[in-house]
C-alpha atoms as a PDB file:
ATOM      1  CA  UNK A   1       0.000   0.000   0.000  1.00  0.00           C
ATOM      2  CA  UNK A   2       1.366   3.398  -1.030  1.00  0.00           C
ATOM      3  CA  UNK A   3       2.132   5.881   1.732  1.00  0.00           C
ATOM      4  CA  UNK A   4       0.642   9.369   1.525  1.00  0.00           C
ATOM      5  CA  UNK A   5       1.950  11.651   4.250  1.00  0.00           C
ATOM      6  CA  UNK A   6      -0.852  13.656   5.875  1.00  0.00           C
ATOM      7  CA  UNK A   7      -0.698  17.441   5.706  1.00  0.00           C
ATOM      8  CA  UNK A   8      -1.037  17.877   9.463  1.00  0.00           C
ATOM      9  CA  UNK A   9      -2.088  15.496  12.238  1.00  0.00           C
ATOM     10  CA  UNK A  10      -4.240  16.777  15.091  1.00  0.00           C
ATOM     11  CA  UNK A  11      -4.536  14.536  18.158  1.00  0.00           C
ATOM     12  CA  UNK A  12      -7.695  15.233  20.135  1.00  0.00           C
ATOM     13  CA  UNK A  13      -6.949  13.888  23.611  1.00  0.00           C
ATOM     14  CA  UNK A  14      -3.176  13.780  23.227  1.00  0.00           C
ATOM     15  CA  UNK A  15      -2.594  14.228  26.955  1.00  0.00           C
ATOM     16  CA  UNK A  16      -3.974  10.795  27.863  1.00  0.00           C
ATOM     17  CA  UNK A  17      -2.218   7.436  28.002  1.00  0.00           C
ATOM     18  CA  UNK A  18      -2.950   6.244  24.456  1.00  0.00           C
ATOM     19  CA  UNK A  19      -3.029   9.771  23.012  1.00  0.00           C
ATOM     20  CA  UNK A  20       0.415  10.629  24.366  1.00  0.00           C
ATOM     21  CA  UNK A  21       1.857   7.395  22.927  1.00  0.00           C
ATOM     22  CA  UNK A  22       0.376   8.292  19.528  1.00  0.00           C
ATOM     23  CA  UNK A  23       1.835  11.803  19.774  1.00  0.00           C
ATOM     24  CA  UNK A  24       5.242  10.404  20.687  1.00  0.00           C
ATOM     25  CA  UNK A  25       5.208   8.099  17.651  1.00  0.00           C
ATOM     26  CA  UNK A  26       4.063  10.846  15.296  1.00  0.00           C
ATOM     27  CA  UNK A  27       6.778  13.228  16.508  1.00  0.00           C
ATOM     28  CA  UNK A  28       9.364  10.768  15.190  1.00  0.00           C
ATOM     29  CA  UNK A  29       7.792  10.970  11.731  1.00  0.00           C
ATOM     30  CA  UNK A  30       8.351  14.699  11.327  1.00  0.00           C
ATOM     31  CA  UNK A  31       4.701  15.354  10.433  1.00  0.00           C
ATOM     32  CA  UNK A  32       3.266  18.749  11.402  1.00  0.00           C
ATOM     33  CA  UNK A  33       1.468  18.058  14.680  1.00  0.00           C
ATOM     34  CA  UNK A  34      -1.119  19.692  16.898  1.00  0.00           C
ATOM     35  CA  UNK A  35      -2.281  18.415  20.301  1.00  0.00           C
ATOM     36  CA  UNK A  36      -5.785  19.472  21.367  1.00  0.00           C
ATOM     37  CA  UNK A  37      -6.769  18.756  24.947  1.00  0.00           C
ATOM     38  CA  UNK A  38      -9.144  19.939  27.622  1.00  0.00           C
ATOM     39  CA  UNK A  39      -7.027  23.006  28.342  1.00  0.00           C
ATOM     40  CA  UNK A  40      -7.425  24.479  24.871  1.00  0.00           C
ATOM     41  CA  UNK A  41     -10.745  22.875  23.889  1.00  0.00           C
ATOM     42  CA  UNK A  42     -13.120  21.380  26.465  1.00  0.00           C
ATOM     43  CA  UNK A  43     -15.511  19.285  24.371  1.00  0.00           C
ATOM     44  CA  UNK A  44     -18.248  19.663  26.992  1.00  0.00           C
ATOM     45  CA  UNK A  45     -18.079  23.474  27.158  1.00  0.00           C
ATOM     46  CA  UNK A  46     -20.648  25.738  25.459  1.00  0.00           C
ATOM     47  CA  UNK A  47     -19.736  26.562  21.838  1.00  0.00           C
ATOM     48  CA  UNK A  48     -16.973  23.924  21.927  1.00  0.00           C
ATOM     49  CA  UNK A  49     -17.759  22.896  18.359  1.00  0.00           C
ATOM     50  CA  UNK A  50     -16.861  26.394  17.112  1.00  0.00           C
ATOM     51  CA  UNK A  51     -13.651  26.394  19.118  1.00  0.00           C
ATOM     52  CA  UNK A  52     -12.616  23.000  17.754  1.00  0.00           C
ATOM     53  CA  UNK A  53     -13.550  23.953  14.189  1.00  0.00           C
ATOM     54  CA  UNK A  54     -11.351  27.056  14.464  1.00  0.00           C
ATOM     55  CA  UNK A  55      -8.364  24.840  15.323  1.00  0.00           C
ATOM     56  CA  UNK A  56      -8.803  22.583  12.285  1.00  0.00           C
ATOM     57  CA  UNK A  57      -7.801  22.855   8.608  1.00  0.00           C
ATOM     58  CA  UNK A  58      -9.058  21.137   5.485  1.00  0.00           C
ATOM     59  CA  UNK A  59      -5.876  19.072   5.021  1.00  0.00           C
ATOM     60  CA  UNK A  60      -5.869  17.735   8.620  1.00  0.00           C
ATOM     61  CA  UNK A  61      -5.954  14.164   9.795  1.00  0.00           C
ATOM     62  CA  UNK A  62      -7.825  14.217  13.114  1.00  0.00           C
ATOM     63  CA  UNK A  63      -7.160  11.430  15.616  1.00  0.00           C
ATOM     64  CA  UNK A  64     -10.075  11.396  18.066  1.00  0.00           C
ATOM     65  CA  UNK A  65      -8.881   9.757  21.303  1.00  0.00           C
ATOM     66  CA  UNK A  66     -10.606  11.934  23.889  1.00  0.00           C
ATOM     67  CA  UNK A  67     -13.040  10.100  26.176  1.00  0.00           C
ATOM     68  CA  UNK A  68     -14.093   9.855  29.787  1.00  0.00           C
ATOM     69  CA  UNK A  69     -13.111   6.247  30.373  1.00  0.00           C
ATOM     70  CA  UNK A  70     -13.756   3.707  31.589  1.00  0.00           C
ATOM     71  CA  UNK A  71     -17.432   4.538  31.144  1.00  0.00           C
ATOM     72  CA  UNK A  72     -19.505   2.672  33.728  1.00  0.00           C
ATOM     73  CA  UNK A  73     -22.595   4.851  34.299  1.00  0.00           C
ATOM     74  CA  UNK A  74     -25.381   6.348  32.213  1.00  0.00           C
ATOM     75  CA  UNK A  75     -24.136   9.810  33.230  1.00  0.00           C
ATOM     76  CA  UNK A  76     -20.725   8.933  31.780  1.00  0.00           C
ATOM     77  CA  UNK A  77     -22.394   7.550  28.657  1.00  0.00           C
ATOM     78  CA  UNK A  78     -24.254  10.824  28.086  1.00  0.00           C
ATOM     79  CA  UNK A  79     -21.097  12.904  28.600  1.00  0.00           C
ATOM     80  CA  UNK A  80     -19.121  10.809  26.143  1.00  0.00           C
ATOM     81  CA  UNK A  81     -21.862  11.098  23.545  1.00  0.00           C
ATOM     82  CA  UNK A  82     -21.964  14.854  24.072  1.00  0.00           C
ATOM     83  CA  UNK A  83     -18.212  14.935  23.368  1.00  0.00           C
ATOM     84  CA  UNK A  84     -18.778  13.013  20.140  1.00  0.00           C
ATOM     85  CA  UNK A  85     -21.625  15.372  19.258  1.00  0.00           C
ATOM     86  CA  UNK A  86     -19.223  18.318  19.619  1.00  0.00           C
ATOM     87  CA  UNK A  87     -16.686  16.664  17.303  1.00  0.00           C
ATOM     88  CA  UNK A  88     -19.377  15.932  14.709  1.00  0.00           C
ATOM     89  CA  UNK A  89     -20.684  19.512  14.829  1.00  0.00           C
ATOM     90  CA  UNK A  90     -17.125  20.864  14.482  1.00  0.00           C
ATOM     91  CA  UNK A  91     -16.410  18.657  11.463  1.00  0.00           C
ATOM     92  CA  UNK A  92     -19.591  19.870   9.800  1.00  0.00           C
ATOM     93  CA  UNK A  93     -18.295  23.418  10.219  1.00  0.00           C
ATOM     94  CA  UNK A  94     -14.759  22.564   9.110  1.00  0.00           C
ATOM     95  CA  UNK A  95     -14.231  19.661   6.718  1.00  0.00           C
ATOM     96  CA  UNK A  96     -11.007  17.668   7.182  1.00  0.00           C
ATOM     97  CA  UNK A  97      -9.065  15.124   5.142  1.00  0.00           C
ATOM     98  CA  UNK A  98      -9.221  12.020   7.365  1.00  0.00           C
ATOM     99  CA  UNK A  99     -10.719  10.998  10.738  1.00  0.00           C
ATOM    100  CA  UNK A 100      -9.286   8.232  12.930  1.00  0.00           C
ATOM    101  CA  UNK A 101     -11.352   7.250  15.957  1.00  0.00           C
ATOM    102  CA  UNK A 102      -9.844   5.251  18.833  1.00  0.00           C
ATOM    103  CA  UNK A 103     -12.615   2.953  20.004  1.00  0.00           C
ATOM    104  CA  UNK A 104     -12.436  -0.326  21.996  1.00  0.00           C
ATOM    105  CA  UNK A 105     -12.798  -4.088  21.649  1.00  0.00           C
ATOM    106  CA  UNK A 106     -15.627  -3.724  24.196  1.00  0.00           C
ATOM    107  CA  UNK A 107     -17.981  -3.246  21.224  1.00  0.00           C
ATOM    108  CA  UNK A 108     -17.788  -6.985  20.414  1.00  0.00           C
ATOM    109  CA  UNK A 109     -20.092  -9.707  21.667  1.00  0.00           C
ATOM    110  CA  UNK A 110     -18.535 -12.381  23.896  1.00  0.00           C
ATOM    111  CA  UNK A 111     -17.413 -15.365  21.857  1.00  0.00           C
ATOM    112  CA  UNK A 112     -15.753 -18.728  22.385  1.00  0.00           C
ATOM    113  CA  UNK A 113     -13.984 -18.245  19.043  1.00  0.00           C
ATOM    114  CA  UNK A 114     -11.296 -15.726  18.063  1.00  0.00           C
ATOM    115  CA  UNK A 115     -12.798 -12.320  17.250  1.00  0.00           C
ATOM    116  CA  UNK A 116     -12.015 -10.405  14.057  1.00  0.00           C
ATOM    117  CA  UNK A 117     -13.290  -7.203  12.475  1.00  0.00           C
ATOM    118  CA  UNK A 118     -16.306  -9.033  10.997  1.00  0.00           C
ATOM    119  CA  UNK A 119     -17.430 -10.383  14.382  1.00  0.00           C
ATOM    120  CA  UNK A 120     -20.724  -9.216  15.831  1.00  0.00           C
ATOM    121  CA  UNK A 121     -20.628  -5.809  17.536  1.00  0.00           C
ATOM    122  CA  UNK A 122     -23.077  -6.351  20.396  1.00  0.00           C
ATOM    123  CA  UNK A 123     -21.629  -4.789  23.569  1.00  0.00           C
ATOM    124  CA  UNK A 124     -22.554  -6.091  27.006  1.00  0.00           C
ATOM    125  CA  UNK A 125     -21.193  -3.120  28.997  1.00  0.00           C
ATOM    126  CA  UNK A 126     -21.976   0.603  29.134  1.00  0.00           C
ATOM    127  CA  UNK A 127     -18.409   1.291  28.011  1.00  0.00           C
ATOM    128  CA  UNK A 128     -18.933  -0.870  24.939  1.00  0.00           C
ATOM    129  CA  UNK A 129     -22.285   0.764  24.205  1.00  0.00           C
ATOM    130  CA  UNK A 130     -20.637   4.181  24.431  1.00  0.00           C
ATOM    131  CA  UNK A 131     -17.852   3.252  22.023  1.00  0.00           C
ATOM    132  CA  UNK A 132     -20.174   1.656  19.483  1.00  0.00           C
ATOM    133  CA  UNK A 133     -22.605   4.589  19.658  1.00  0.00           C
ATOM    134  CA  UNK A 134     -19.745   6.987  18.954  1.00  0.00           C
ATOM    135  CA  UNK A 135     -18.570   4.884  16.014  1.00  0.00           C
ATOM    136  CA  UNK A 136     -22.073   4.765  14.513  1.00  0.00           C
ATOM    137  CA  UNK A 137     -22.645   8.495  15.059  1.00  0.00           C
ATOM    138  CA  UNK A 138     -19.356   9.454  13.383  1.00  0.00           C
ATOM    139  CA  UNK A 139     -20.036   7.203  10.415  1.00  0.00           C
ATOM    140  CA  UNK A 140     -23.688   8.131   9.912  1.00  0.00           C
ATOM    141  CA  UNK A 141     -23.443  11.895  10.454  1.00  0.00           C
ATOM    142  CA  UNK A 142     -20.193  12.684   8.671  1.00  0.00           C
ATOM    143  CA  UNK A 143     -19.240  12.293   5.027  1.00  0.00           C
ATOM    144  CA  UNK A 144     -15.472  11.845   5.239  1.00  0.00           C
ATOM    145  CA  UNK A 145     -12.875   9.033   5.287  1.00  0.00           C
ATOM    146  CA  UNK A 146     -13.173   7.327   8.705  1.00  0.00           C
ATOM    147  CA  UNK A 147     -11.055   4.637  10.366  1.00  0.00           C
ATOM    148  CA  UNK A 148     -12.087   2.999  13.644  1.00  0.00           C
ATOM    149  CA  UNK A 149      -9.277   1.444  15.703  1.00  0.00           C
ATOM    150  CA  UNK A 150     -10.440  -1.024  18.365  1.00  0.00           C
ATOM    151  CA  UNK A 151      -7.742  -1.774  20.965  1.00  0.00           C
ATOM    152  CA  UNK A 152      -8.103  -4.559  23.503  1.00  0.00           C
ATOM    153  CA  UNK A 153      -6.653  -4.180  27.048  1.00  0.00           C
ATOM    154  CA  UNK A 154      -3.743  -1.762  26.659  1.00  0.00           C
ATOM    155  CA  UNK A 155      -0.650  -1.799  28.872  1.00  0.00           C
ATOM    156  CA  UNK A 156       2.414   0.429  29.067  1.00  0.00           C
ATOM    157  CA  UNK A 157       4.722   2.227  31.439  1.00  0.00           C
ATOM    158  CA  UNK A 158       2.812   5.509  31.683  1.00  0.00           C
ATOM    159  CA  UNK A 159      -0.704   4.189  32.150  1.00  0.00           C
ATOM    160  CA  UNK A 160      -2.222   6.278  34.996  1.00  0.00           C
ATOM    161  CA  UNK A 161      -4.987   3.754  35.663  1.00  0.00           C
ATOM    162  CA  UNK A 162      -4.605   0.970  38.155  1.00  0.00           C
ATOM    163  CA  UNK A 163      -7.114  -1.511  36.821  1.00  0.00           C
ATOM    164  CA  UNK A 164      -6.608  -5.257  37.212  1.00  0.00           C
ATOM    165  CA  UNK A 165      -3.935  -6.555  34.854  1.00  0.00           C
ATOM    166  CA  UNK A 166      -0.355  -5.867  33.733  1.00  0.00           C
ATOM    167  CA  UNK A 167      -0.219  -2.227  34.833  1.00  0.00           C
ATOM    168  CA  UNK A 168      -1.394  -2.816  38.410  1.00  0.00           C
ATOM    169  CA  UNK A 169       0.622  -6.059  38.669  1.00  0.00           C
ATOM    170  CA  UNK A 170       3.807  -4.174  37.763  1.00  0.00           C
ATOM    171  CA  UNK A 171       3.189  -1.483  40.373  1.00  0.00           C
ATOM    172  CA  UNK A 172       2.599  -4.087  43.081  1.00  0.00           C
ATOM    173  CA  UNK A 173       5.688  -6.071  42.072  1.00  0.00           C
ATOM    174  CA  UNK A 174       7.896  -2.971  42.198  1.00  0.00           C
ATOM    175  CA  UNK A 175       6.733  -2.378  45.795  1.00  0.00           C
ATOM    176  CA  UNK A 176       7.242  -6.077  46.714  1.00  0.00           C
ATOM    177  CA  UNK A 177       3.549  -6.371  47.506  1.00  0.00           C
ATOM    178  CA  UNK A 178       1.372  -9.415  46.888  1.00  0.00           C
ATOM    179  CA  UNK A 179      -0.467  -9.627  43.579  1.00  0.00           C
ATOM    180  CA  UNK A 180      -3.968 -10.797  44.435  1.00  0.00           C
ATOM    181  CA  UNK A 181      -5.770 -12.559  41.597  1.00  0.00           C
ATOM    182  CA  UNK A 182      -9.489 -12.863  40.923  1.00  0.00           C
ATOM    183  CA  UNK A 183     -10.046 -16.551  41.519  1.00  0.00           C
ATOM    184  CA  UNK A 184      -7.054 -18.448  40.147  1.00  0.00           C
ATOM    185  CA  UNK A 185      -6.407 -15.788  37.500  1.00  0.00           C
ATOM    186  CA  UNK A 186      -7.337 -18.388  34.927  1.00  0.00           C
ATOM    187  CA  UNK A 187      -9.097 -16.128  32.399  1.00  0.00           C
ATOM    188  CA  UNK A 188      -7.450 -16.086  28.986  1.00  0.00           C
ATOM    189  CA  UNK A 189      -7.206 -12.609  27.468  1.00  0.00           C
ATOM    190  CA  UNK A 190      -5.411 -10.626  24.813  1.00  0.00           C
ATOM    191  CA  UNK A 191      -3.368  -7.600  25.947  1.00  0.00           C
ATOM    192  CA  UNK A 192      -1.774  -5.067  23.591  1.00  0.00           C
ATOM    193  CA  UNK A 193       1.327  -2.906  24.101  1.00  0.00           C
ATOM    194  CA  UNK A 194       0.537   0.814  23.830  1.00  0.00           C
ATOM    195  CA  UNK A 195       3.467   1.475  21.485  1.00  0.00           C
ATOM    196  CA  UNK A 196       1.988  -1.065  19.049  1.00  0.00           C
ATOM    197  CA  UNK A 197      -1.360   0.747  19.142  1.00  0.00           C
ATOM    198  CA  UNK A 198       0.494   3.980  18.361  1.00  0.00           C
ATOM    199  CA  UNK A 199       2.366   2.347  15.465  1.00  0.00           C
ATOM    200  CA  UNK A 200      -0.876   1.020  13.966  1.00  0.00           C
ATOM    201  CA  UNK A 201      -2.474   4.480  14.198  1.00  0.00           C
ATOM    202  CA  UNK A 202       0.621   5.982  12.558  1.00  0.00           C
ATOM    203  CA  UNK A 203       0.353   3.532   9.648  1.00  0.00           C
ATOM    204  CA  UNK A 204      -3.384   4.152   9.260  1.00  0.00           C
ATOM    205  CA  UNK A 205      -2.724   7.907   9.146  1.00  0.00           C
ATOM    206  CA  UNK A 206       0.103   7.512   6.610  1.00  0.00           C
ATOM    207  CA  UNK A 207      -2.053   5.467   4.236  1.00  0.00           C
ATOM    208  CA  UNK A 208      -5.397   7.208   4.840  1.00  0.00           C
ATOM    209  CA  UNK A 209      -7.026   3.879   5.649  1.00  0.00           C
ATOM    210  CA  UNK A 210     -10.755   3.581   6.279  1.00  0.00           C
ATOM    211  CA  UNK A 211     -12.888   0.959   8.014  1.00  0.00           C
ATOM    212  CA  UNK A 212     -12.241  -1.056  11.170  1.00  0.00           C
ATOM    213  CA  UNK A 213      -8.950  -2.458  12.474  1.00  0.00           C
ATOM    214  CA  UNK A 214      -8.432  -4.236  15.779  1.00  0.00           C
ATOM    215  CA  UNK A 215      -5.357  -3.306  17.819  1.00  0.00           C
ATOM    216  CA  UNK A 216      -4.622  -6.678  19.412  1.00  0.00           C
ATOM    217  CA  UNK A 217      -1.611  -8.929  19.913  1.00  0.00           C
ATOM    218  CA  UNK A 218      -3.231 -12.112  18.601  1.00  0.00           C
ATOM    219  CA  UNK A 219      -2.099 -14.012  21.733  1.00  0.00           C
ATOM    220  CA  UNK A 220      -4.028 -14.988  24.835  1.00  0.00           C
ATOM    221  CA  UNK A 221      -2.500 -15.459  28.278  1.00  0.00           C
ATOM    222  CA  UNK A 222      -3.897 -16.031  31.750  1.00  0.00           C
ATOM    223  CA  UNK A 223      -3.743 -13.331  34.397  1.00  0.00           C
ATOM    224  CA  UNK A 224      -1.826 -15.742  36.614  1.00  0.00           C
ATOM    225  CA  UNK A 225       0.872 -16.211  33.994  1.00  0.00           C
ATOM    226  CA  UNK A 226       1.108 -12.435  33.530  1.00  0.00           C
ATOM    227  CA  UNK A 227       1.391 -11.888  37.280  1.00  0.00           C
ATOM    228  CA  UNK A 228       4.073 -14.549  37.708  1.00  0.00           C
ATOM    229  CA  UNK A 229       6.070 -13.226  34.739  1.00  0.00           C
ATOM    230  CA  UNK A 230       5.954  -9.642  36.050  1.00  0.00           C
ATOM    231  CA  UNK A 231       6.827 -10.761  39.571  1.00  0.00           C
ATOM    232  CA  UNK A 232       9.964 -12.548  38.326  1.00  0.00           C
ATOM    233  CA  UNK A 233      10.899  -9.580  36.087  1.00  0.00           C
ATOM    234  CA  UNK A 234      10.862  -7.257  39.068  1.00  0.00           C
ATOM    235  CA  UNK A 235      12.491  -9.727  41.489  1.00  0.00           C
ATOM    236  CA  UNK A 236       9.516  -9.165  43.754  1.00  0.00           C
ATOM    237  CA  UNK A 237       9.383 -10.721  47.220  1.00  0.00           C
ATOM    238  CA  UNK A 238       5.587 -10.471  47.110  1.00  0.00           C
ATOM    239  CA  UNK A 239       3.469 -13.533  46.396  1.00  0.00           C
ATOM    240  CA  UNK A 240       0.994 -14.175  43.606  1.00  0.00           C
ATOM    241  CA  UNK A 241      -2.157 -15.188  45.494  1.00  0.00           C
ATOM    242  CA  UNK A 242      -5.443 -16.710  44.398  1.00  0.00           C
ATOM    243  CA  UNK A 243      -8.781 -15.819  45.986  1.00  0.00           C
ATOM    244  CA  UNK A 244     -12.273 -17.262  46.005  1.00  0.00           C
ATOM    245  CA  UNK A 245     -14.082 -15.789  43.016  1.00  0.00           C
ATOM    246  CA  UNK A 246     -17.331 -14.076  43.953  1.00  0.00           C
ATOM    247  CA  UNK A 247     -18.781 -13.388  40.503  1.00  0.00           C
ATOM    248  CA  UNK A 248     -18.647 -14.844  37.023  1.00  0.00           C
ATOM    249  CA  UNK A 249     -15.569 -14.406  34.868  1.00  0.00           C
ATOM    250  CA  UNK A 250     -15.676 -11.457  32.424  1.00  0.00           C
ATOM    251  CA  UNK A 251     -16.234 -12.574  28.811  1.00  0.00           C
ATOM    252  CA  UNK A 252     -16.770 -16.114  30.138  1.00  0.00           C
ATOM    253  CA  UNK A 253     -13.039 -16.288  30.786  1.00  0.00           C
ATOM    254  CA  UNK A 254     -11.959 -16.095  27.144  1.00  0.00           C
ATOM    255  CA  UNK A 255     -11.184 -13.140  24.853  1.00  0.00           C
ATOM    256  CA  UNK A 256      -9.049 -13.980  21.817  1.00  0.00           C
ATOM    257  CA  UNK A 257      -8.564 -11.949  18.643  1.00  0.00           C
ATOM    258  CA  UNK A 258      -7.127 -12.296  15.164  1.00  0.00           C
ATOM    259  CA  UNK A 259      -4.803  -9.621  13.765  1.00  0.00           C
ATOM    260  CA  UNK A 260      -6.276 -10.172  10.310  1.00  0.00           C
ATOM    261  CA  UNK A 261      -7.014  -6.597   9.179  1.00  0.00           C
ATOM    262  CA  UNK A 262      -3.723  -5.077  10.365  1.00  0.00           C
ATOM    263  CA  UNK A 263      -1.792  -7.956   8.797  1.00  0.00           C
ATOM    264  CA  UNK A 264      -3.688  -7.540   5.517  1.00  0.00           C
ATOM    265  CA  UNK A 265      -3.122  -3.777   5.365  1.00  0.00           C
ATOM    266  CA  UNK A 266       0.481  -3.762   6.598  1.00  0.00           C
ATOM    267  CA  UNK A 267       2.230  -7.097   5.972  1.00  0.00           C
ATOM    268  CA  UNK A 268       5.499  -5.802   7.454  1.00  0.00           C
ATOM    269  CA  UNK A 269       3.926  -4.790  10.750  1.00  0.00           C
ATOM    270  CA  UNK A 270       3.377  -7.153  13.660  1.00  0.00           C
ATOM    271  CA  UNK A 271       2.151  -6.722  17.198  1.00  0.00           C
ATOM    272  CA  UNK A 272       4.377  -7.669  20.130  1.00  0.00           C
ATOM    273  CA  UNK A 273       3.523 -10.855  21.979  1.00  0.00           C
ATOM    274  CA  UNK A 274       2.690 -10.392  25.660  1.00  0.00           C
ATOM    275  CA  UNK A 275       6.146 -11.464  26.923  1.00  0.00           C
ATOM    276  CA  UNK A 276       7.942  -9.279  24.382  1.00  0.00           C
ATOM    277  CA  UNK A 277       5.770  -6.265  25.193  1.00  0.00           C
ATOM    278  CA  UNK A 278       6.122  -6.669  28.956  1.00  0.00           C
ATOM    279  CA  UNK A 279       9.884  -6.966  28.534  1.00  0.00           C
ATOM    280  CA  UNK A 280       9.914  -3.673  26.608  1.00  0.00           C
ATOM    281  CA  UNK A 281       7.915  -2.024  29.404  1.00  0.00           C
ATOM    282  CA  UNK A 282      10.347  -3.399  31.970  1.00  0.00           C
ATOM    283  CA  UNK A 283      13.352  -2.026  30.077  1.00  0.00           C
ATOM    284  CA  UNK A 284      11.699   1.402  29.896  1.00  0.00           C
ATOM    285  CA  UNK A 285      10.986   1.166  33.602  1.00  0.00           C
ATOM    286  CA  UNK A 286      14.685   0.472  34.354  1.00  0.00           C
ATOM    287  CA  UNK A 287      15.714   3.491  32.274  1.00  0.00           C
ATOM    288  CA  UNK A 288      13.483   5.685  34.432  1.00  0.00           C
ATOM    289  CA  UNK A 289      14.305   3.885  37.686  1.00  0.00           C
ATOM    290  CA  UNK A 290      17.838   2.394  37.515  1.00  0.00           C
ATOM    291  CA  UNK A 291      17.605   1.593  41.234  1.00  0.00           C
ATOM    292  CA  UNK A 292      15.125  -1.162  40.397  1.00  0.00           C
ATOM    293  CA  UNK A 293      17.903  -3.081  38.639  1.00  0.00           C
ATOM    294  CA  UNK A 294      19.894  -3.380  41.870  1.00  0.00           C
ATOM    295  CA  UNK A 295      19.991  -6.798  43.523  1.00  0.00           C
END
């Protein structure tokens, strides 16, 4: 596929975890860049659509990352849809060249088979409903080239969240605290390295791709295996402990994906496996905290 460098790339929500990784990757490309965040354009403020439109140009590629996430309440759902409404209104005032929306794998129905881009989008959570509603609204109300990127669980060094999984496990291991699993930690899930998400977005921007692409590693691993791997990496004296599970396993304990669309579009690109990605995070961690390498 032939590359076509975008005129300028605007990252809406570039101050967040995924947005900042995308910005970092794009800076290496030398593209003209603009970061739009809450400080210079609050999407929930009155007249925000006019403000955003004034910041955009006709040759722009807009990467829409901004969201209040995770979205777990109807109030959060309404706010996120209002943010999307502002973006849509702005893009009706100021046409752009290409729109890339960062969505989520939460839009897909649970399945006991590997999920791909053709799998049924039937979310079972408010967060998934929010993401799918935004996707549908952008596609149905705007007449412009649109790409939807659907990452699965994203991990990386600078993630500010502390949700269950690689990011919280790493923080506990660094402090030599126990990693407490839900049940035996037996659920099998895909996890994707944030730098790989950023690279996929970069490629989509370069080639002005449209449609849906999953940002997934293509590997599944149990939470126990992740916890044990991270514990050994960090030479943690804390234990990896099981607990009695009180509720049912999310996604029935299985969430596997195929990397089919990304592989088809970009044959030379591949996602990191979970061990490779976690090792990259660990090396970045040691660069920031050399004391952690001491025996």
